[in-house]
Amino acid sequence: LNELLLLTFSGVIAMATFLIVIISYLFIVVAILRIRSA
């Protein structure tokens, strides 16, 4: 049960927070590429 909790909670939290980071930076990259000046 402890190993299941560790994998589940740590995995879900890590993936959820990391996914927020990835999605945020995908939008950031798109926005930056639209900037005309170098």
Full PDB file with SEQRES, HELIX, SHEET, SSBOND, CRYST1, ORIGX, SCALE, CONECT and MASTER records, all heavy atoms in Angstrom:
SEQRES   1 A   38  LEU ASN GLU LEU LEU LEU LEU THR PHE SER GLY VAL ILE          
SEQRES   2 A   38  ALA MET ALA THR PHE LEU ILE VAL ILE ILE SER TYR LEU          
SEQRES   3 A   38  PHE ILE VAL VAL ALA ILE LEU ARG ILE ARG SER ALA              
HELIX    1 AA1 ASN A    2  LEU A    5  1                                   4    
HELIX    2 AA2 LEU A    6  SER A   10  3                                   5    
HELIX    3 AA3 GLY A   11  LEU A   33  1                                  23    
CRYST1    1.000    1.000    1.000  90.00  90.00  90.00 P 1           1          
ORIGX1      1.000000  0.000000  0.000000        0.00000                         
ORIGX2      0.000000  1.000000  0.000000        0.00000                         
ORIGX3      0.000000  0.000000  1.000000        0.00000                         
SCALE1      1.000000  0.000000  0.000000        0.00000                         
SCALE2      0.000000  1.000000  0.000000        0.00000                         
SCALE3      0.000000  0.000000  1.000000        0.00000                         
ATOM      1  N   LEU A   1       0.829  -1.197   0.000  1.00  0.00           N  
ATOM      2  CA  LEU A   1       0.000   0.000   0.000  1.00  0.00           C  
ATOM      3  C   LEU A   1       0.867   1.251   0.000  1.00  0.00           C  
ATOM      4  O   LEU A   1       0.567   2.232  -0.704  1.00  0.00           O  
ATOM      5  CB  LEU A   1      -0.931   0.001   1.218  1.00  0.00           C  
ATOM      6  CG  LEU A   1      -1.806   1.250   1.398  1.00  0.00           C  
ATOM      7  CD1 LEU A   1      -2.727   1.427   0.183  1.00  0.00           C  
ATOM      8  CD2 LEU A   1      -2.625   1.167   2.685  1.00  0.00           C  
ATOM      9  N   ASN A   2       1.935   1.234   0.800  1.00  0.00           N  
ATOM     10  CA  ASN A   2       2.835   2.387   0.854  1.00  0.00           C  
ATOM     11  C   ASN A   2       3.493   2.637  -0.504  1.00  0.00           C  
ATOM     12  O   ASN A   2       3.606   3.783  -0.948  1.00  0.00           O  
ATOM     13  CB  ASN A   2       3.917   2.161   1.906  1.00  0.00           C  
ATOM     14  CG  ASN A   2       3.349   2.009   3.298  1.00  0.00           C  
ATOM     15  OD1 ASN A   2       2.833   0.948   3.644  1.00  0.00           O  
ATOM     16  ND2 ASN A   2       3.418   3.058   4.108  1.00  0.00           N  
ATOM     17  N   GLU A   3       3.920   1.558  -1.163  1.00  0.00           N  
ATOM     18  CA  GLU A   3       4.542   1.704  -2.477  1.00  0.00           C  
ATOM     19  C   GLU A   3       3.528   2.209  -3.499  1.00  0.00           C  
ATOM     20  O   GLU A   3       3.866   3.025  -4.367  1.00  0.00           O  
ATOM     21  CB  GLU A   3       5.134   0.373  -2.921  1.00  0.00           C  
ATOM     22  CG  GLU A   3       6.322  -0.083  -2.084  1.00  0.00           C  
ATOM     23  CD  GLU A   3       6.958  -1.352  -2.623  1.00  0.00           C  
ATOM     24  OE1 GLU A   3       6.484  -1.853  -3.668  1.00  0.00           O  
ATOM     25  OE2 GLU A   3       7.918  -1.831  -2.020  1.00  0.00           O  
ATOM     26  N   LEU A   4       2.291   1.736  -3.385  1.00  0.00           N  
ATOM     27  CA  LEU A   4       1.241   2.200  -4.291  1.00  0.00           C  
ATOM     28  C   LEU A   4       0.959   3.687  -4.078  1.00  0.00           C  
ATOM     29  O   LEU A   4       0.826   4.452  -5.042  1.00  0.00           O  
ATOM     30  CB  LEU A   4      -0.036   1.384  -4.069  1.00  0.00           C  
ATOM     31  CG  LEU A   4      -1.249   1.780  -4.927  1.00  0.00           C  
ATOM     32  CD1 LEU A   4      -0.933   1.579  -6.403  1.00  0.00           C  
ATOM     33  CD2 LEU A   4      -2.484   0.978  -4.512  1.00  0.00           C  
ATOM     34  N   LEU A   5       0.881   4.097  -2.800  1.00  0.00           N  
ATOM     35  CA  LEU A   5       0.663   5.511  -2.491  1.00  0.00           C  
ATOM     36  C   LEU A   5       1.818   6.365  -3.004  1.00  0.00           C  
ATOM     37  O   LEU A   5       1.605   7.460  -3.534  1.00  0.00           O  
ATOM     38  CB  LEU A   5       0.500   5.701  -0.982  1.00  0.00           C  
ATOM     39  CG  LEU A   5      -0.800   5.198  -0.344  1.00  0.00           C  
ATOM     40  CD1 LEU A   5      -0.714   5.290   1.167  1.00  0.00           C  
ATOM     41  CD2 LEU A   5      -1.998   5.990  -0.865  1.00  0.00           C  
ATOM     42  N   LEU A   6       3.029   5.849  -2.834  1.00  0.00           N  
ATOM     43  CA  LEU A   6       4.214   6.591  -3.262  1.00  0.00           C  
ATOM     44  C   LEU A   6       4.213   6.794  -4.771  1.00  0.00           C  
ATOM     45  O   LEU A   6       4.416   7.911  -5.265  1.00  0.00           O  
ATOM     46  CB  LEU A   6       5.480   5.850  -2.827  1.00  0.00           C  
ATOM     47  CG  LEU A   6       6.816   6.562  -3.086  1.00  0.00           C  
ATOM     48  CD1 LEU A   6       6.887   7.853  -2.299  1.00  0.00           C  
ATOM     49  CD2 LEU A   6       7.972   5.649  -2.739  1.00  0.00           C  
ATOM     50  N   LEU A   7       3.969   5.699  -5.498  1.00  0.00           N  
ATOM     51  CA  LEU A   7       3.949   5.796  -6.951  1.00  0.00           C  
ATOM     52  C   LEU A   7       2.772   6.632  -7.445  1.00  0.00           C  
ATOM     53  O   LEU A   7       2.909   7.441  -8.358  1.00  0.00           O  
ATOM     54  CB  LEU A   7       3.889   4.390  -7.569  1.00  0.00           C  
ATOM     55  CG  LEU A   7       5.188   3.585  -7.568  1.00  0.00           C  
ATOM     56  CD1 LEU A   7       4.932   2.157  -8.020  1.00  0.00           C  
ATOM     57  CD2 LEU A   7       6.229   4.238  -8.461  1.00  0.00           C  
ATOM     58  N   THR A   8       1.609   6.436  -6.812  1.00  0.00           N  
ATOM     59  CA  THR A   8       0.404   7.133  -7.267  1.00  0.00           C  
ATOM     60  C   THR A   8       0.479   8.631  -6.992  1.00  0.00           C  
ATOM     61  O   THR A   8       0.389   9.452  -7.913  1.00  0.00           O  
ATOM     62  CB  THR A   8      -0.855   6.556  -6.588  1.00  0.00           C  
ATOM     63  OG1 THR A   8      -0.947   5.156  -6.881  1.00  0.00           O  
ATOM     64  CG2 THR A   8      -2.098   7.263  -7.078  1.00  0.00           C  
ATOM     65  N   PHE A   9       0.663   8.988  -5.704  1.00  0.00           N  
ATOM     66  CA  PHE A   9       0.650  10.404  -5.350  1.00  0.00           C  
ATOM     67  C   PHE A   9       1.859  11.138  -5.919  1.00  0.00           C  
ATOM     68  O   PHE A   9       1.706  12.219  -6.504  1.00  0.00           O  
ATOM     69  CB  PHE A   9       0.593  10.576  -3.828  1.00  0.00           C  
ATOM     70  CG  PHE A   9      -0.790  10.451  -3.264  1.00  0.00           C  
ATOM     71  CD1 PHE A   9      -1.332   9.208  -2.968  1.00  0.00           C  
ATOM     72  CD2 PHE A   9      -1.568  11.572  -3.048  1.00  0.00           C  
ATOM     73  CE1 PHE A   9      -2.616   9.083  -2.455  1.00  0.00           C  
ATOM     74  CE2 PHE A   9      -2.857  11.466  -2.542  1.00  0.00           C  
ATOM     75  CZ  PHE A   9      -3.384  10.216  -2.247  1.00  0.00           C  
ATOM     76  N   SER A  10       3.049  10.562  -5.747  1.00  0.00           N  
ATOM     77  CA  SER A  10       4.247  11.221  -6.262  1.00  0.00           C  
ATOM     78  C   SER A  10       4.197  11.304  -7.779  1.00  0.00           C  
ATOM     79  O   SER A  10       4.549  12.327  -8.369  1.00  0.00           O  
ATOM     80  CB  SER A  10       5.509  10.469  -5.812  1.00  0.00           C  
ATOM     81  OG  SER A  10       5.610  10.463  -4.411  1.00  0.00           O  
ATOM     82  N   GLY A  11       3.744  10.207  -8.406  1.00  0.00           N  
ATOM     83  CA  GLY A  11       3.664  10.205  -9.860  1.00  0.00           C  
ATOM     84  C   GLY A  11       2.639  11.193 -10.384  1.00  0.00           C  
ATOM     85  O   GLY A  11       2.917  11.956 -11.313  1.00  0.00           O  
ATOM     86  N   VAL A  12       1.446  11.186  -9.780  1.00  0.00           N  
ATOM     87  CA  VAL A  12       0.379  12.090 -10.230  1.00  0.00           C  
ATOM     88  C   VAL A  12       0.766  13.549 -10.000  1.00  0.00           C  
ATOM     89  O   VAL A  12       0.597  14.400 -10.886  1.00  0.00           O  
ATOM     90  CB  VAL A  12      -0.945  11.768  -9.508  1.00  0.00           C  
ATOM     91  CG1 VAL A  12      -1.972  12.871  -9.762  1.00  0.00           C  
ATOM     92  CG2 VAL A  12      -1.491  10.425  -9.966  1.00  0.00           C  
ATOM     93  N   ILE A  13       1.293  13.846  -8.819  1.00  0.00           N  
ATOM     94  CA  ILE A  13       1.690  15.224  -8.513  1.00  0.00           C  
ATOM     95  C   ILE A  13       2.805  15.686  -9.437  1.00  0.00           C  
ATOM     96  O   ILE A  13       2.763  16.797  -9.991  1.00  0.00           O  
ATOM     97  CB  ILE A  13       2.115  15.342  -7.036  1.00  0.00           C  
ATOM     98  CG1 ILE A  13       0.897  15.219  -6.131  1.00  0.00           C  
ATOM     99  CG2 ILE A  13       2.826  16.676  -6.786  1.00  0.00           C  
ATOM    100  CD1 ILE A  13       1.229  15.164  -4.657  1.00  0.00           C  
ATOM    101  N   ALA A  14       3.814  14.825  -9.618  1.00  0.00           N  
ATOM    102  CA  ALA A  14       4.930  15.191 -10.487  1.00  0.00           C  
ATOM    103  C   ALA A  14       4.469  15.402 -11.920  1.00  0.00           C  
ATOM    104  O   ALA A  14       4.846  16.386 -12.579  1.00  0.00           O  
ATOM    105  CB  ALA A  14       6.012  14.118 -10.433  1.00  0.00           C  
ATOM    106  N   MET A  15       3.627  14.496 -12.413  1.00  0.00           N  
ATOM    107  CA  MET A  15       3.151  14.611 -13.790  1.00  0.00           C  
ATOM    108  C   MET A  15       2.224  15.812 -13.962  1.00  0.00           C  
ATOM    109  O   MET A  15       2.306  16.523 -14.974  1.00  0.00           O  
ATOM    110  CB  MET A  15       2.426  13.329 -14.199  1.00  0.00           C  
ATOM    111  CG  MET A  15       3.334  12.120 -14.348  1.00  0.00           C  
ATOM    112  SD  MET A  15       4.665  12.380 -15.548  1.00  0.00           S  
ATOM    113  CE  MET A  15       3.717  12.585 -17.053  1.00  0.00           C  
ATOM    114  N   ALA A  16       1.352  16.046 -12.978  1.00  0.00           N  
ATOM    115  CA  ALA A  16       0.408  17.166 -13.079  1.00  0.00           C  
ATOM    116  C   ALA A  16       1.147  18.501 -13.071  1.00  0.00           C  
ATOM    117  O   ALA A  16       0.885  19.381 -13.915  1.00  0.00           O  
ATOM    118  CB  ALA A  16      -0.596  17.107 -11.935  1.00  0.00           C  
ATOM    119  N   THR A  17       2.057  18.671 -12.117  1.00  0.00           N  
ATOM    120  CA  THR A  17       2.796  19.938 -12.035  1.00  0.00           C  
ATOM    121  C   THR A  17       3.717  20.120 -13.244  1.00  0.00           C  
ATOM    122  O   THR A  17       3.838  21.227 -13.779  1.00  0.00           O  
ATOM    123  CB  THR A  17       3.618  20.007 -10.737  1.00  0.00           C  
ATOM    124  OG1 THR A  17       4.455  18.839 -10.627  1.00  0.00           O  
ATOM    125  CG2 THR A  17       2.709  20.078  -9.510  1.00  0.00           C  
ATOM    126  N   PHE A  18       4.340  19.028 -13.673  1.00  0.00           N  
ATOM    127  CA  PHE A  18       5.228  19.117 -14.831  1.00  0.00           C  
ATOM    128  C   PHE A  18       4.421  19.400 -16.097  1.00  0.00           C  
ATOM    129  O   PHE A  18       4.880  20.131 -16.981  1.00  0.00           O  
ATOM    130  CB  PHE A  18       6.025  17.823 -14.989  1.00  0.00           C  
ATOM    131  CG  PHE A  18       7.112  17.902 -16.026  1.00  0.00           C  
ATOM    132  CD1 PHE A  18       8.186  18.763 -15.859  1.00  0.00           C  
ATOM    133  CD2 PHE A  18       7.059  17.124 -17.169  1.00  0.00           C  
ATOM    134  CE1 PHE A  18       9.192  18.852 -16.802  1.00  0.00           C  
ATOM    135  CE2 PHE A  18       8.057  17.201 -18.129  1.00  0.00           C  
ATOM    136  CZ  PHE A  18       9.125  18.065 -17.949  1.00  0.00           C  
ATOM    137  N   LEU A  19       3.209  18.840 -16.189  1.00  0.00           N  
ATOM    138  CA  LEU A  19       2.350  19.091 -17.345  1.00  0.00           C  
ATOM    139  C   LEU A  19       1.945  20.559 -17.419  1.00  0.00           C  
ATOM    140  O   LEU A  19       1.880  21.147 -18.507  1.00  0.00           O  
ATOM    141  CB  LEU A  19       1.102  18.205 -17.268  1.00  0.00           C  
ATOM    142  CG  LEU A  19       0.219  18.126 -18.521  1.00  0.00           C  
ATOM    143  CD1 LEU A  19       1.016  17.587 -19.697  1.00  0.00           C  
ATOM    144  CD2 LEU A  19      -0.999  17.259 -18.253  1.00  0.00           C  
ATOM    145  N   ILE A  20       1.677  21.152 -16.243  1.00  0.00           N  
ATOM    146  CA  ILE A  20       1.363  22.585 -16.199  1.00  0.00           C  
ATOM    147  C   ILE A  20       2.537  23.393 -16.743  1.00  0.00           C  
ATOM    148  O   ILE A  20       2.357  24.353 -17.509  1.00  0.00           O  
ATOM    149  CB  ILE A  20       1.026  23.025 -14.760  1.00  0.00           C  
ATOM    150  CG1 ILE A  20      -0.293  22.385 -14.308  1.00  0.00           C  
ATOM    151  CG2 ILE A  20       0.928  24.551 -14.667  1.00  0.00           C  
ATOM    152  CD1 ILE A  20      -0.620  22.629 -12.853  1.00  0.00           C  
ATOM    153  N   VAL A  21       3.745  22.988 -16.358  1.00  0.00           N  
ATOM    154  CA  VAL A  21       4.947  23.676 -16.838  1.00  0.00           C  
ATOM    155  C   VAL A  21       5.073  23.536 -18.351  1.00  0.00           C  
ATOM    156  O   VAL A  21       5.316  24.523 -19.068  1.00  0.00           O  
ATOM    157  CB  VAL A  21       6.205  23.106 -16.146  1.00  0.00           C  
ATOM    158  CG1 VAL A  21       7.470  23.688 -16.771  1.00  0.00           C  
ATOM    159  CG2 VAL A  21       6.175  23.404 -14.656  1.00  0.00           C  
ATOM    160  N   ILE A  22       4.892  22.310 -18.863  1.00  0.00           N  
ATOM    161  CA  ILE A  22       5.035  22.065 -20.299  1.00  0.00           C  
ATOM    162  C   ILE A  22       4.003  22.854 -21.107  1.00  0.00           C  
ATOM    163  O   ILE A  22       4.342  23.523 -22.096  1.00  0.00           O  
ATOM    164  CB  ILE A  22       4.890  20.556 -20.606  1.00  0.00           C  
ATOM    165  CG1 ILE A  22       6.052  19.769 -19.988  1.00  0.00           C  
ATOM    166  CG2 ILE A  22       4.844  20.318 -22.117  1.00  0.00           C  
ATOM    167  CD1 ILE A  22       7.410  20.137 -20.526  1.00  0.00           C  
ATOM    168  N   ILE A  23       2.742  22.786 -20.671  1.00  0.00           N  
ATOM    169  CA  ILE A  23       1.680  23.506 -21.391  1.00  0.00           C  
ATOM    170  C   ILE A  23       1.931  25.009 -21.363  1.00  0.00           C  
ATOM    171  O   ILE A  23       1.761  25.709 -22.374  1.00  0.00           O  
ATOM    172  CB  ILE A  23       0.299  23.173 -20.782  1.00  0.00           C  
ATOM    173  CG1 ILE A  23      -0.041  21.696 -21.029  1.00  0.00           C  
ATOM    174  CG2 ILE A  23      -0.781  24.071 -21.372  1.00  0.00           C  
ATOM    175  CD1 ILE A  23      -1.311  21.241 -20.351  1.00  0.00           C  
ATOM    176  N   SER A  24       2.335  25.526 -20.193  1.00  0.00           N  
ATOM    177  CA  SER A  24       2.620  26.960 -20.072  1.00  0.00           C  
ATOM    178  C   SER A  24       3.718  27.377 -21.042  1.00  0.00           C  
ATOM    179  O   SER A  24       3.598  28.400 -21.738  1.00  0.00           O  
ATOM    180  CB  SER A  24       3.028  27.301 -18.637  1.00  0.00           C  
ATOM    181  OG  SER A  24       1.981  27.042 -17.724  1.00  0.00           O  
ATOM    182  N   TYR A  25       4.775  26.565 -21.125  1.00  0.00           N  
ATOM    183  CA  TYR A  25       5.893  26.929 -21.994  1.00  0.00           C  
ATOM    184  C   TYR A  25       5.581  26.719 -23.469  1.00  0.00           C  
ATOM    185  O   TYR A  25       6.171  27.400 -24.321  1.00  0.00           O  
ATOM    186  CB  TYR A  25       7.157  26.174 -21.579  1.00  0.00           C  
ATOM    187  CG  TYR A  25       7.906  26.907 -20.496  1.00  0.00           C  
ATOM    188  CD1 TYR A  25       7.808  26.530 -19.168  1.00  0.00           C  
ATOM    189  CD2 TYR A  25       8.688  28.021 -20.803  1.00  0.00           C  
ATOM    190  CE1 TYR A  25       8.461  27.225 -18.167  1.00  0.00           C  
ATOM    191  CE2 TYR A  25       9.354  28.724 -19.812  1.00  0.00           C  
ATOM    192  CZ  TYR A  25       9.236  28.324 -18.502  1.00  0.00           C  
ATOM    193  OH  TYR A  25       9.887  29.026 -17.507  1.00  0.00           O  
ATOM    194  N   LEU A  26       4.673  25.814 -23.795  1.00  0.00           N  
ATOM    195  CA  LEU A  26       4.240  25.691 -25.186  1.00  0.00           C  
ATOM    196  C   LEU A  26       3.553  26.976 -25.644  1.00  0.00           C  
ATOM    197  O   LEU A  26       3.828  27.491 -26.737  1.00  0.00           O  
ATOM    198  CB  LEU A  26       3.299  24.493 -25.341  1.00  0.00           C  
ATOM    199  CG  LEU A  26       3.945  23.109 -25.304  1.00  0.00           C  
ATOM    200  CD1 LEU A  26       2.887  22.014 -25.372  1.00  0.00           C  
ATOM    201  CD2 LEU A  26       4.928  22.949 -26.460  1.00  0.00           C  
ATOM    202  N   PHE A  27       2.665  27.493 -24.799  1.00  0.00           N  
ATOM    203  CA  PHE A  27       1.999  28.766 -25.120  1.00  0.00           C  
ATOM    204  C   PHE A  27       2.999  29.914 -25.136  1.00  0.00           C  
ATOM    205  O   PHE A  27       2.879  30.840 -25.953  1.00  0.00           O  
ATOM    206  CB  PHE A  27       0.885  29.053 -24.106  1.00  0.00           C  
ATOM    207  CG  PHE A  27      -0.380  28.282 -24.353  1.00  0.00           C  
ATOM    208  CD1 PHE A  27      -0.727  27.206 -23.558  1.00  0.00           C  
ATOM    209  CD2 PHE A  27      -1.228  28.630 -25.397  1.00  0.00           C  
ATOM    210  CE1 PHE A  27      -1.896  26.489 -23.770  1.00  0.00           C  
ATOM    211  CE2 PHE A  27      -2.407  27.926 -25.631  1.00  0.00           C  
ATOM    212  CZ  PHE A  27      -2.745  26.847 -24.825  1.00  0.00           C  
ATOM    213  N   ILE A  28       3.979  29.856 -24.230  1.00  0.00           N  
ATOM    214  CA  ILE A  28       5.003  30.905 -24.183  1.00  0.00           C  
ATOM    215  C   ILE A  28       5.826  30.916 -25.468  1.00  0.00           C  
ATOM    216  O   ILE A  28       6.081  31.978 -26.056  1.00  0.00           O  
ATOM    217  CB  ILE A  28       5.916  30.709 -22.960  1.00  0.00           C  
ATOM    218  CG1 ILE A  28       5.163  31.070 -21.672  1.00  0.00           C  
ATOM    219  CG2 ILE A  28       7.180  31.559 -23.084  1.00  0.00           C  
ATOM    220  CD1 ILE A  28       5.913  30.724 -20.407  1.00  0.00           C  
ATOM    221  N   VAL A  29       6.232  29.736 -25.926  1.00  0.00           N  
ATOM    222  CA  VAL A  29       7.030  29.637 -27.153  1.00  0.00           C  
ATOM    223  C   VAL A  29       6.246  30.172 -28.349  1.00  0.00           C  
ATOM    224  O   VAL A  29       6.787  30.931 -29.177  1.00  0.00           O  
ATOM    225  CB  VAL A  29       7.459  28.175 -27.402  1.00  0.00           C  
ATOM    226  CG1 VAL A  29       8.052  28.020 -28.800  1.00  0.00           C  
ATOM    227  CG2 VAL A  29       8.469  27.731 -26.363  1.00  0.00           C  
ATOM    228  N   VAL A  30       4.972  29.797 -28.448  1.00  0.00           N  
ATOM    229  CA  VAL A  30       4.127  30.287 -29.543  1.00  0.00           C  
ATOM    230  C   VAL A  30       4.037  31.811 -29.495  1.00  0.00           C  
ATOM    231  O   VAL A  30       4.146  32.495 -30.536  1.00  0.00           O  
ATOM    232  CB  VAL A  30       2.714  29.658 -29.466  1.00  0.00           C  
ATOM    233  CG1 VAL A  30       1.781  30.330 -30.468  1.00  0.00           C  
ATOM    234  CG2 VAL A  30       2.779  28.157 -29.721  1.00  0.00           C  
ATOM    235  N   ALA A  31       3.841  32.350 -28.291  1.00  0.00           N  
ATOM    236  CA  ALA A  31       3.727  33.810 -28.147  1.00  0.00           C  
ATOM    237  C   ALA A  31       5.040  34.499 -28.506  1.00  0.00           C  
ATOM    238  O   ALA A  31       5.032  35.562 -29.164  1.00  0.00           O  
ATOM    239  CB  ALA A  31       3.320  34.155 -26.715  1.00  0.00           C  
ATOM    240  N   ILE A  32       6.161  33.905 -28.104  1.00  0.00           N  
ATOM    241  CA  ILE A  32       7.464  34.523 -28.382  1.00  0.00           C  
ATOM    242  C   ILE A  32       7.761  34.508 -29.884  1.00  0.00           C  
ATOM    243  O   ILE A  32       8.307  35.475 -30.435  1.00  0.00           O  
ATOM    244  CB  ILE A  32       8.571  33.803 -27.590  1.00  0.00           C  
ATOM    245  CG1 ILE A  32       8.434  34.110 -26.093  1.00  0.00           C  
ATOM    246  CG2 ILE A  32       9.958  34.224 -28.089  1.00  0.00           C  
ATOM    247  CD1 ILE A  32       9.437  33.380 -25.221  1.00  0.00           C  
ATOM    248  N   LEU A  33       7.419  33.410 -30.546  1.00  0.00           N  
ATOM    249  CA  LEU A  33       7.671  33.313 -31.985  1.00  0.00           C  
ATOM    250  C   LEU A  33       6.869  34.335 -32.775  1.00  0.00           C  
ATOM    251  O   LEU A  33       7.214  34.669 -33.917  1.00  0.00           O  
ATOM    252  CB  LEU A  33       7.360  31.898 -32.476  1.00  0.00           C  
ATOM    253  CG  LEU A  33       8.299  30.800 -31.966  1.00  0.00           C  
ATOM    254  CD1 LEU A  33       7.847  29.438 -32.462  1.00  0.00           C  
ATOM    255  CD2 LEU A  33       9.748  31.077 -32.403  1.00  0.00           C  
ATOM    256  N   ARG A  34       5.777  34.836 -32.191  1.00  0.00           N  
ATOM    257  CA  ARG A  34       4.965  35.852 -32.860  1.00  0.00           C  
ATOM    258  C   ARG A  34       5.543  37.254 -32.709  1.00  0.00           C  
ATOM    259  O   ARG A  34       5.089  38.187 -33.393  1.00  0.00           O  
ATOM    260  CB  ARG A  34       3.542  35.827 -32.303  1.00  0.00           C  
ATOM    261  CG  ARG A  34       2.757  34.576 -32.705  1.00  0.00           C  
ATOM    262  CD  ARG A  34       1.393  34.574 -32.052  1.00  0.00           C  
ATOM    263  NE  ARG A  34       0.611  33.408 -32.446  1.00  0.00           N  
ATOM    264  CZ  ARG A  34      -0.571  33.081 -31.913  1.00  0.00           C  
ATOM    265  NH1 ARG A  34      -1.095  33.857 -30.959  1.00  0.00           N  
ATOM    266  NH2 ARG A  34      -1.210  32.008 -32.323  1.00  0.00           N  
ATOM    267  N   ILE A  35       6.520  37.399 -31.795  1.00  0.00           N  
ATOM    268  CA  ILE A  35       7.172  38.697 -31.613  1.00  0.00           C  
ATOM    269  C   ILE A  35       8.065  38.976 -32.816  1.00  0.00           C  
ATOM    270  O   ILE A  35       8.904  38.140 -33.188  1.00  0.00           O  
ATOM    271  CB  ILE A  35       7.997  38.719 -30.301  1.00  0.00           C  
ATOM    272  CG1 ILE A  35       7.082  38.481 -29.095  1.00  0.00           C  
ATOM    273  CG2 ILE A  35       8.725  40.056 -30.161  1.00  0.00           C  
ATOM    274  CD1 ILE A  35       7.825  38.381 -27.781  1.00  0.00           C  
ATOM    275  N   ARG A  36       7.911  40.111 -33.433  1.00  0.00           N  
ATOM    276  CA  ARG A  36       8.629  40.397 -34.681  1.00  0.00           C  
ATOM    277  C   ARG A  36      10.096  40.748 -34.463  1.00  0.00           C  
ATOM    278  O   ARG A  36      10.960  40.350 -35.235  1.00  0.00           O  
ATOM    279  CB  ARG A  36       7.919  41.531 -35.435  1.00  0.00           C  
ATOM    280  CG  ARG A  36       6.521  41.145 -35.919  1.00  0.00           C  
ATOM    281  CD  ARG A  36       5.897  42.249 -36.735  1.00  0.00           C  
ATOM    282  NE  ARG A  36       4.573  41.847 -37.229  1.00  0.00           N  
ATOM    283  CZ  ARG A  36       3.807  42.613 -37.991  1.00  0.00           C  
ATOM    284  NH1 ARG A  36       4.229  43.836 -38.344  1.00  0.00           N  
ATOM    285  NH2 ARG A  36       2.625  42.172 -38.390  1.00  0.00           N  
ATOM    286  N   SER A  37      10.378  41.531 -33.422  1.00  0.00           N  
ATOM    287  CA  SER A  37      11.764  41.968 -33.230  1.00  0.00           C  
ATOM    288  C   SER A  37      12.600  40.882 -32.544  1.00  0.00           C  
ATOM    289  O   SER A  37      12.124  40.189 -31.641  1.00  0.00           O  
ATOM    290  CB  SER A  37      11.807  43.252 -32.396  1.00  0.00           C  
ATOM    291  OG  SER A  37      11.564  42.987 -31.042  1.00  0.00           O  
ATOM    292  N   ALA A  38      13.837  40.747 -33.002  1.00  0.00           N  
ATOM    293  CA  ALA A  38      14.751  39.763 -32.423  1.00  0.00           C  
ATOM    294  C   ALA A  38      15.078  40.116 -30.978  1.00  0.00           C  
ATOM    295  O   ALA A  38      15.212  39.240 -30.120  1.00  0.00           O  
ATOM    296  CB  ALA A  38      16.036  39.689 -33.246  1.00  0.00           C  
TER     297      ALA A  38                                                      
MASTER        0    0    0    3    0    0    0    6  296    1    0    3          
END                                                                             
